[in-house]
Amino acid sequence: MIKSILKVLILILIISSTSCVSKKEILYFQNDVDISKLQKQVFTLVYKQNDLLSINVSALDIEAVKPFNFPSVSYS
């Protein structure tokens, strides 16, 4: 009897120790950050001669894309 009460108390203690944070404490973009001022990262891809490229076609049906995916070749 005492073991079961102890288990319940420990469970209540664990559950009560994991509490939620109020929405006011979570800071997203709430009035103090202007989204238009955030810097956008621009990335341009540059292909050079002798670059090794790998293209993988994926789909829900693996058999449908099998002819398009060649085995990988490693050049070491």
PDB file of N, CA and C in Angstrom:
ATOM      1  N   MET A   1       0.827  -1.193   0.000  1.00  0.00           N
ATOM      2  CA  MET A   1       0.000   0.000   0.000  1.00  0.00           C
ATOM      3  C   MET A   1       0.870   1.255   0.000  1.00  0.00           C
ATOM      4  N   ILE A   2       1.899   1.247   0.845  1.00  0.00           N
ATOM      5  CA  ILE A   2       2.769   2.408   0.950  1.00  0.00           C
ATOM      6  C   ILE A   2       3.580   2.576  -0.343  1.00  0.00           C
ATOM      7  N   LYS A   3       3.969   1.465  -0.977  1.00  0.00           N
ATOM      8  CA  LYS A   3       4.726   1.539  -2.223  1.00  0.00           C
ATOM      9  C   LYS A   3       3.900   2.156  -3.339  1.00  0.00           C
ATOM     10  N   SER A   4       2.630   1.822  -3.400  1.00  0.00           N
ATOM     11  CA  SER A   4       1.783   2.381  -4.451  1.00  0.00           C
ATOM     12  C   SER A   4       1.539   3.874  -4.219  1.00  0.00           C
ATOM     13  N   ILE A   5       1.381   4.286  -2.970  1.00  0.00           N
ATOM     14  CA  ILE A   5       1.212   5.712  -2.658  1.00  0.00           C
ATOM     15  C   ILE A   5       2.492   6.463  -2.991  1.00  0.00           C
ATOM     16  N   LEU A   6       3.629   5.867  -2.681  1.00  0.00           N
ATOM     17  CA  LEU A   6       4.913   6.483  -2.992  1.00  0.00           C
ATOM     18  C   LEU A   6       5.094   6.641  -4.506  1.00  0.00           C
ATOM     19  N   LYS A   7       4.705   5.619  -5.261  1.00  0.00           N
ATOM     20  CA  LYS A   7       4.792   5.697  -6.719  1.00  0.00           C
ATOM     21  C   LYS A   7       3.913   6.809  -7.272  1.00  0.00           C
ATOM     22  N   VAL A   8       2.707   6.953  -6.729  1.00  0.00           N
ATOM     23  CA  VAL A   8       1.794   8.006  -7.175  1.00  0.00           C
ATOM     24  C   VAL A   8       2.359   9.379  -6.834  1.00  0.00           C
ATOM     25  N   LEU A   9       2.918   9.533  -5.658  1.00  0.00           N
ATOM     26  CA  LEU A   9       3.510  10.814  -5.263  1.00  0.00           C
ATOM     27  C   LEU A   9       4.705  11.171  -6.136  1.00  0.00           C
ATOM     28  N   ILE A  10       5.530  10.191  -6.447  1.00  0.00           N
ATOM     29  CA  ILE A  10       6.676  10.440  -7.330  1.00  0.00           C
ATOM     30  C   ILE A  10       6.193  10.830  -8.720  1.00  0.00           C
ATOM     31  N   LEU A  11       5.166  10.175  -9.206  1.00  0.00           N
ATOM     32  CA  LEU A  11       4.601  10.509 -10.511  1.00  0.00           C
ATOM     33  C   LEU A  11       4.037  11.931 -10.523  1.00  0.00           C
ATOM     34  N   ILE A  12       3.336  12.303  -9.468  1.00  0.00           N
ATOM     35  CA  ILE A  12       2.784  13.665  -9.361  1.00  0.00           C
ATOM     36  C   ILE A  12       3.915  14.684  -9.295  1.00  0.00           C
ATOM     37  N   LEU A  13       4.976  14.376  -8.579  1.00  0.00           N
ATOM     38  CA  LEU A  13       6.128  15.272  -8.485  1.00  0.00           C
ATOM     39  C   LEU A  13       6.790  15.462  -9.843  1.00  0.00           C
ATOM     40  N   ILE A  14       6.953  14.390 -10.589  1.00  0.00           N
ATOM     41  CA  ILE A  14       7.567  14.479 -11.916  1.00  0.00           C
ATOM     42  C   ILE A  14       6.698  15.294 -12.858  1.00  0.00           C
ATOM     43  N   ILE A  15       5.401  15.052 -12.838  1.00  0.00           N
ATOM     44  CA  ILE A  15       4.486  15.786 -13.722  1.00  0.00           C
ATOM     45  C   ILE A  15       4.441  17.263 -13.355  1.00  0.00           C
ATOM     46  N   SER A  16       4.444  17.561 -12.077  1.00  0.00           N
ATOM     47  CA  SER A  16       4.369  18.965 -11.660  1.00  0.00           C
ATOM     48  C   SER A  16       5.675  19.711 -11.888  1.00  0.00           C
ATOM     49  N   SER A  17       6.792  18.993 -11.962  1.00  0.00           N
ATOM     50  CA  SER A  17       8.067  19.667 -12.189  1.00  0.00           C
ATOM     51  C   SER A  17       8.253  20.054 -13.653  1.00  0.00           C
ATOM     52  N   THR A  18       7.531  19.437 -14.550  1.00  0.00           N
ATOM     53  CA  THR A  18       7.597  19.805 -15.965  1.00  0.00           C
ATOM     54  C   THR A  18       6.411  20.690 -16.280  1.00  0.00           C
ATOM     55  N   SER A  19       6.602  21.962 -16.127  1.00  0.00           N
ATOM     56  CA  SER A  19       5.497  22.896 -16.334  1.00  0.00           C
ATOM     57  C   SER A  19       5.646  23.624 -17.660  1.00  0.00           C
ATOM     58  N   CYS A  20       4.601  24.277 -18.062  1.00  0.00           N
ATOM     59  CA  CYS A  20       4.595  25.034 -19.295  1.00  0.00           C
ATOM     60  C   CYS A  20       5.021  26.472 -19.014  1.00  0.00           C
ATOM     61  N   VAL A  21       5.594  27.101 -20.006  1.00  0.00           N
ATOM     62  CA  VAL A  21       6.002  28.492 -19.899  1.00  0.00           C
ATOM     63  C   VAL A  21       4.863  29.344 -20.428  1.00  0.00           C
ATOM     64  N   SER A  22       4.605  30.460 -19.772  1.00  0.00           N
ATOM     65  CA  SER A  22       3.535  31.324 -20.246  1.00  0.00           C
ATOM     66  C   SER A  22       3.914  31.934 -21.589  1.00  0.00           C
ATOM     67  N   LYS A  23       2.931  32.313 -22.360  1.00  0.00           N
ATOM     68  CA  LYS A  23       3.173  32.853 -23.700  1.00  0.00           C
ATOM     69  C   LYS A  23       3.943  34.165 -23.654  1.00  0.00           C
ATOM     70  N   LYS A  24       3.835  34.914 -22.579  1.00  0.00           N
ATOM     71  CA  LYS A  24       4.544  36.190 -22.481  1.00  0.00           C
ATOM     72  C   LYS A  24       6.049  35.982 -22.372  1.00  0.00           C
ATOM     73  N   GLU A  25       6.482  34.854 -21.838  1.00  0.00           N
ATOM     74  CA  GLU A  25       7.905  34.599 -21.692  1.00  0.00           C
ATOM     75  C   GLU A  25       8.532  34.086 -22.976  1.00  0.00           C
ATOM     76  N   ILE A  26       7.734  33.589 -23.899  1.00  0.00           N
ATOM     77  CA  ILE A  26       8.247  33.099 -25.174  1.00  0.00           C
ATOM     78  C   ILE A  26       8.326  34.278 -26.132  1.00  0.00           C
ATOM     79  N   LEU A  27       9.528  34.508 -26.654  1.00  0.00           N
ATOM     80  CA  LEU A  27       9.733  35.658 -27.518  1.00  0.00           C
ATOM     81  C   LEU A  27       9.881  35.186 -28.957  1.00  0.00           C
ATOM     82  N   TYR A  28       8.903  35.469 -29.769  1.00  0.00           N
ATOM     83  CA  TYR A  28       8.992  35.149 -31.190  1.00  0.00           C
ATOM     84  C   TYR A  28       9.287  36.436 -31.936  1.00  0.00           C
ATOM     85  N   PHE A  29       8.356  36.911 -32.672  1.00  0.00           N
ATOM     86  CA  PHE A  29       8.464  38.190 -33.363  1.00  0.00           C
ATOM     87  C   PHE A  29       7.334  39.070 -32.854  1.00  0.00           C
ATOM     88  N   GLN A  30       7.368  39.412 -31.594  1.00  0.00           N
ATOM     89  CA  GLN A  30       6.282  40.148 -30.970  1.00  0.00           C
ATOM     90  C   GLN A  30       6.624  41.626 -30.825  1.00  0.00           C
ATOM     91  N   ASN A  31       6.236  42.424 -31.777  1.00  0.00           N
ATOM     92  CA  ASN A  31       6.269  43.881 -31.750  1.00  0.00           C
ATOM     93  C   ASN A  31       7.651  44.505 -31.593  1.00  0.00           C
ATOM     94  N   ASP A  32       8.652  43.815 -31.190  1.00  0.00           N
ATOM     95  CA  ASP A  32       9.950  44.444 -31.013  1.00  0.00           C
ATOM     96  C   ASP A  32      10.947  44.078 -32.114  1.00  0.00           C
ATOM     97  N   VAL A  33      10.549  43.217 -33.019  1.00  0.00           N
ATOM     98  CA  VAL A  33      11.416  42.868 -34.135  1.00  0.00           C
ATOM     99  C   VAL A  33      10.642  43.140 -35.429  1.00  0.00           C
ATOM    100  N   ASP A  34      11.217  43.992 -36.259  1.00  0.00           N
ATOM    101  CA  ASP A  34      10.599  44.285 -37.551  1.00  0.00           C
ATOM    102  C   ASP A  34      11.092  43.236 -38.543  1.00  0.00           C
ATOM    103  N   ILE A  35      10.175  42.425 -39.050  1.00  0.00           N
ATOM    104  CA  ILE A  35      10.551  41.313 -39.921  1.00  0.00           C
ATOM    105  C   ILE A  35      11.214  41.806 -41.202  1.00  0.00           C
ATOM    106  N   SER A  36      10.843  42.967 -41.680  1.00  0.00           N
ATOM    107  CA  SER A  36      11.431  43.475 -42.918  1.00  0.00           C
ATOM    108  C   SER A  36      12.907  43.832 -42.733  1.00  0.00           C
ATOM    109  N   LYS A  37      13.354  44.026 -41.500  1.00  0.00           N
ATOM    110  CA  LYS A  37      14.749  44.367 -41.248  1.00  0.00           C
ATOM    111  C   LYS A  37      15.647  43.132 -41.150  1.00  0.00           C
ATOM    112  N   LEU A  38      15.047  41.955 -41.105  1.00  0.00           N
ATOM    113  CA  LEU A  38      15.854  40.751 -41.030  1.00  0.00           C
ATOM    114  C   LEU A  38      16.623  40.554 -42.322  1.00  0.00           C
ATOM    115  N   GLN A  39      17.867  40.194 -42.191  1.00  0.00           N
ATOM    116  CA  GLN A  39      18.727  40.036 -43.358  1.00  0.00           C
ATOM    117  C   GLN A  39      18.427  38.714 -44.049  1.00  0.00           C
ATOM    118  N   LYS A  40      18.246  38.785 -45.358  1.00  0.00           N
ATOM    119  CA  LYS A  40      18.005  37.577 -46.141  1.00  0.00           C
ATOM    120  C   LYS A  40      19.338  37.066 -46.665  1.00  0.00           C
ATOM    121  N   GLN A  41      19.547  35.766 -46.542  1.00  0.00           N
ATOM    122  CA  GLN A  41      20.784  35.162 -47.012  1.00  0.00           C
ATOM    123  C   GLN A  41      20.610  34.788 -48.477  1.00  0.00           C
ATOM    124  N   VAL A  42      21.529  35.259 -49.289  1.00  0.00           N
ATOM    125  CA  VAL A  42      21.494  34.977 -50.718  1.00  0.00           C
ATOM    126  C   VAL A  42      22.632  34.012 -51.025  1.00  0.00           C
ATOM    127  N   PHE A  43      22.291  32.920 -51.680  1.00  0.00           N
ATOM    128  CA  PHE A  43      23.282  31.901 -52.017  1.00  0.00           C
ATOM    129  C   PHE A  43      23.190  31.620 -53.504  1.00  0.00           C
ATOM    130  N   THR A  44      24.303  31.738 -54.177  1.00  0.00           N
ATOM    131  CA  THR A  44      24.335  31.420 -55.606  1.00  0.00           C
ATOM    132  C   THR A  44      25.231  30.218 -55.824  1.00  0.00           C
ATOM    133  N   LEU A  45      24.747  29.284 -56.609  1.00  0.00           N
ATOM    134  CA  LEU A  45      25.498  28.089 -56.919  1.00  0.00           C
ATOM    135  C   LEU A  45      26.409  28.353 -58.104  1.00  0.00           C
ATOM    136  N   VAL A  46      27.642  27.946 -57.988  1.00  0.00           N
ATOM    137  CA  VAL A  46      28.595  28.107 -59.078  1.00  0.00           C
ATOM    138  C   VAL A  46      29.176  26.736 -59.394  1.00  0.00           C
ATOM    139  N   TYR A  47      28.980  26.294 -60.633  1.00  0.00           N
ATOM    140  CA  TYR A  47      29.546  25.031 -61.086  1.00  0.00           C
ATOM    141  C   TYR A  47      30.848  25.325 -61.811  1.00  0.00           C
ATOM    142  N   LYS A  48      31.871  24.556 -61.485  1.00  0.00           N
ATOM    143  CA  LYS A  48      33.166  24.724 -62.131  1.00  0.00           C
ATOM    144  C   LYS A  48      33.514  23.454 -62.890  1.00  0.00           C
ATOM    145  N   GLN A  49      34.493  23.576 -63.743  1.00  0.00           N
ATOM    146  CA  GLN A  49      34.950  22.437 -64.512  1.00  0.00           C
ATOM    147  C   GLN A  49      35.516  21.383 -63.554  1.00  0.00           C
ATOM    148  N   ASN A  50      35.246  20.134 -63.849  1.00  0.00           N
ATOM    149  CA  ASN A  50      35.675  18.964 -63.069  1.00  0.00           C
ATOM    150  C   ASN A  50      34.934  18.815 -61.741  1.00  0.00           C
ATOM    151  N   ASP A  51      33.834  19.500 -61.541  1.00  0.00           N
ATOM    152  CA  ASP A  51      33.001  19.276 -60.360  1.00  0.00           C
ATOM    153  C   ASP A  51      32.268  17.953 -60.501  1.00  0.00           C
ATOM    154  N   LEU A  52      32.106  17.242 -59.404  1.00  0.00           N
ATOM    155  CA  LEU A  52      31.365  15.988 -59.412  1.00  0.00           C
ATOM    156  C   LEU A  52      29.970  16.252 -58.868  1.00  0.00           C
ATOM    157  N   LEU A  53      28.955  15.927 -59.644  1.00  0.00           N
ATOM    158  CA  LEU A  53      27.568  16.163 -59.254  1.00  0.00           C
ATOM    159  C   LEU A  53      26.861  14.833 -59.043  1.00  0.00           C
ATOM    160  N   SER A  54      25.953  14.833 -58.103  1.00  0.00           N
ATOM    161  CA  SER A  54      25.139  13.653 -57.858  1.00  0.00           C
ATOM    162  C   SER A  54      23.684  14.086 -57.837  1.00  0.00           C
ATOM    163  N   ILE A  55      22.864  13.417 -58.633  1.00  0.00           N
ATOM    164  CA  ILE A  55      21.435  13.736 -58.704  1.00  0.00           C
ATOM    165  C   ILE A  55      20.666  12.494 -58.285  1.00  0.00           C
ATOM    166  N   ASN A  56      19.781  12.677 -57.334  1.00  0.00           N
ATOM    167  CA  ASN A  56      18.982  11.569 -56.825  1.00  0.00           C
ATOM    168  C   ASN A  56      17.512  11.904 -57.019  1.00  0.00           C
ATOM    169  N   VAL A  57      16.783  11.048 -57.730  1.00  0.00           N
ATOM    170  CA  VAL A  57      15.357  11.237 -57.960  1.00  0.00           C
ATOM    171  C   VAL A  57      14.619  10.392 -56.928  1.00  0.00           C
ATOM    172  N   SER A  58      13.640  10.999 -56.241  1.00  0.00           N
ATOM    173  CA  SER A  58      12.910  10.251 -55.224  1.00  0.00           C
ATOM    174  C   SER A  58      11.408  10.323 -55.486  1.00  0.00           C
ATOM    175  N   ALA A  59      10.702   9.302 -55.045  1.00  0.00           N
ATOM    176  CA  ALA A  59       9.249   9.227 -55.188  1.00  0.00           C
ATOM    177  C   ALA A  59       8.730   8.216 -54.187  1.00  0.00           C
ATOM    178  N   LEU A  60       7.423   8.175 -54.039  1.00  0.00           N
ATOM    179  CA  LEU A  60       6.820   7.206 -53.136  1.00  0.00           C
ATOM    180  C   LEU A  60       7.004   5.780 -53.650  1.00  0.00           C
ATOM    181  N   ASP A  61       6.943   5.623 -54.958  1.00  0.00           N
ATOM    182  CA  ASP A  61       7.136   4.308 -55.569  1.00  0.00           C
ATOM    183  C   ASP A  61       8.593   4.191 -56.018  1.00  0.00           C
ATOM    184  N   ILE A  62       9.372   3.410 -55.303  1.00  0.00           N
ATOM    185  CA  ILE A  62      10.803   3.284 -55.587  1.00  0.00           C
ATOM    186  C   ILE A  62      11.051   2.676 -56.964  1.00  0.00           C
ATOM    187  N   GLU A  63      10.207   1.748 -57.353  1.00  0.00           N
ATOM    188  CA  GLU A  63      10.380   1.094 -58.653  1.00  0.00           C
ATOM    189  C   GLU A  63      10.192   2.080 -59.809  1.00  0.00           C
ATOM    190  N   ALA A  64       9.399   3.117 -59.610  1.00  0.00           N
ATOM    191  CA  ALA A  64       9.154   4.084 -60.681  1.00  0.00           C
ATOM    192  C   ALA A  64      10.380   4.942 -60.967  1.00  0.00           C
ATOM    193  N   VAL A  65      11.213   5.184 -59.963  1.00  0.00           N
ATOM    194  CA  VAL A  65      12.378   6.047 -60.152  1.00  0.00           C
ATOM    195  C   VAL A  65      13.687   5.266 -60.268  1.00  0.00           C
ATOM    196  N   LYS A  66      13.608   3.962 -60.178  1.00  0.00           N
ATOM    197  CA  LYS A  66      14.807   3.135 -60.237  1.00  0.00           C
ATOM    198  C   LYS A  66      15.620   3.357 -61.516  1.00  0.00           C
ATOM    199  N   PRO A  67      14.999   3.502 -62.696  1.00  0.00           N
ATOM    200  CA  PRO A  67      15.801   3.719 -63.909  1.00  0.00           C
ATOM    201  C   PRO A  67      16.541   5.053 -63.925  1.00  0.00           C
ATOM    202  N   PHE A  68      16.119   6.010 -63.121  1.00  0.00           N
ATOM    203  CA  PHE A  68      16.733   7.336 -63.132  1.00  0.00           C
ATOM    204  C   PHE A  68      17.870   7.479 -62.128  1.00  0.00           C
ATOM    205  N   ASN A  69      17.952   6.573 -61.151  1.00  0.00           N
ATOM    206  CA  ASN A  69      18.986   6.639 -60.124  1.00  0.00           C
ATOM    207  C   ASN A  69      20.056   5.595 -60.419  1.00  0.00           C
ATOM    208  N   PHE A  70      21.187   6.097 -60.856  1.00  0.00           N
ATOM    209  CA  PHE A  70      22.311   5.211 -61.165  1.00  0.00           C
ATOM    210  C   PHE A  70      23.098   4.962 -59.890  1.00  0.00           C
ATOM    211  N   PRO A  71      23.830   3.858 -59.829  1.00  0.00           N
ATOM    212  CA  PRO A  71      24.629   3.605 -58.629  1.00  0.00           C
ATOM    213  C   PRO A  71      25.721   4.676 -58.473  1.00  0.00           C
ATOM    214  N   SER A  72      26.033   4.989 -57.242  1.00  0.00           N
ATOM    215  CA  SER A  72      27.040   6.012 -56.953  1.00  0.00           C
ATOM    216  C   SER A  72      28.427   5.499 -57.323  1.00  0.00           C
ATOM    217  N   VAL A  73      29.212   6.401 -57.892  1.00  0.00           N
ATOM    218  CA  VAL A  73      30.585   6.070 -58.251  1.00  0.00           C
ATOM    219  C   VAL A  73      31.490   6.989 -57.443  1.00  0.00           C
ATOM    220  N   SER A  74      32.422   6.415 -56.701  1.00  0.00           N
ATOM    221  CA  SER A  74      33.307   7.261 -55.910  1.00  0.00           C
ATOM    222  C   SER A  74      34.660   7.377 -56.631  1.00  0.00           C
ATOM    223  N   TYR A  75      35.120   8.606 -56.726  1.00  0.00           N
ATOM    224  CA  TYR A  75      36.409   8.902 -57.347  1.00  0.00           C
ATOM    225  C   TYR A  75      37.371   9.280 -56.235  1.00  0.00           C
ATOM    226  N   SER A  76      38.080   8.300 -55.692  1.00  0.00           N
ATOM    227  CA  SER A  76      39.020   8.645 -54.624  1.00  0.00           C
ATOM    228  C   SER A  76      40.431   8.474 -55.051  1.00  0.00           C
TER     229      SER A  76
END
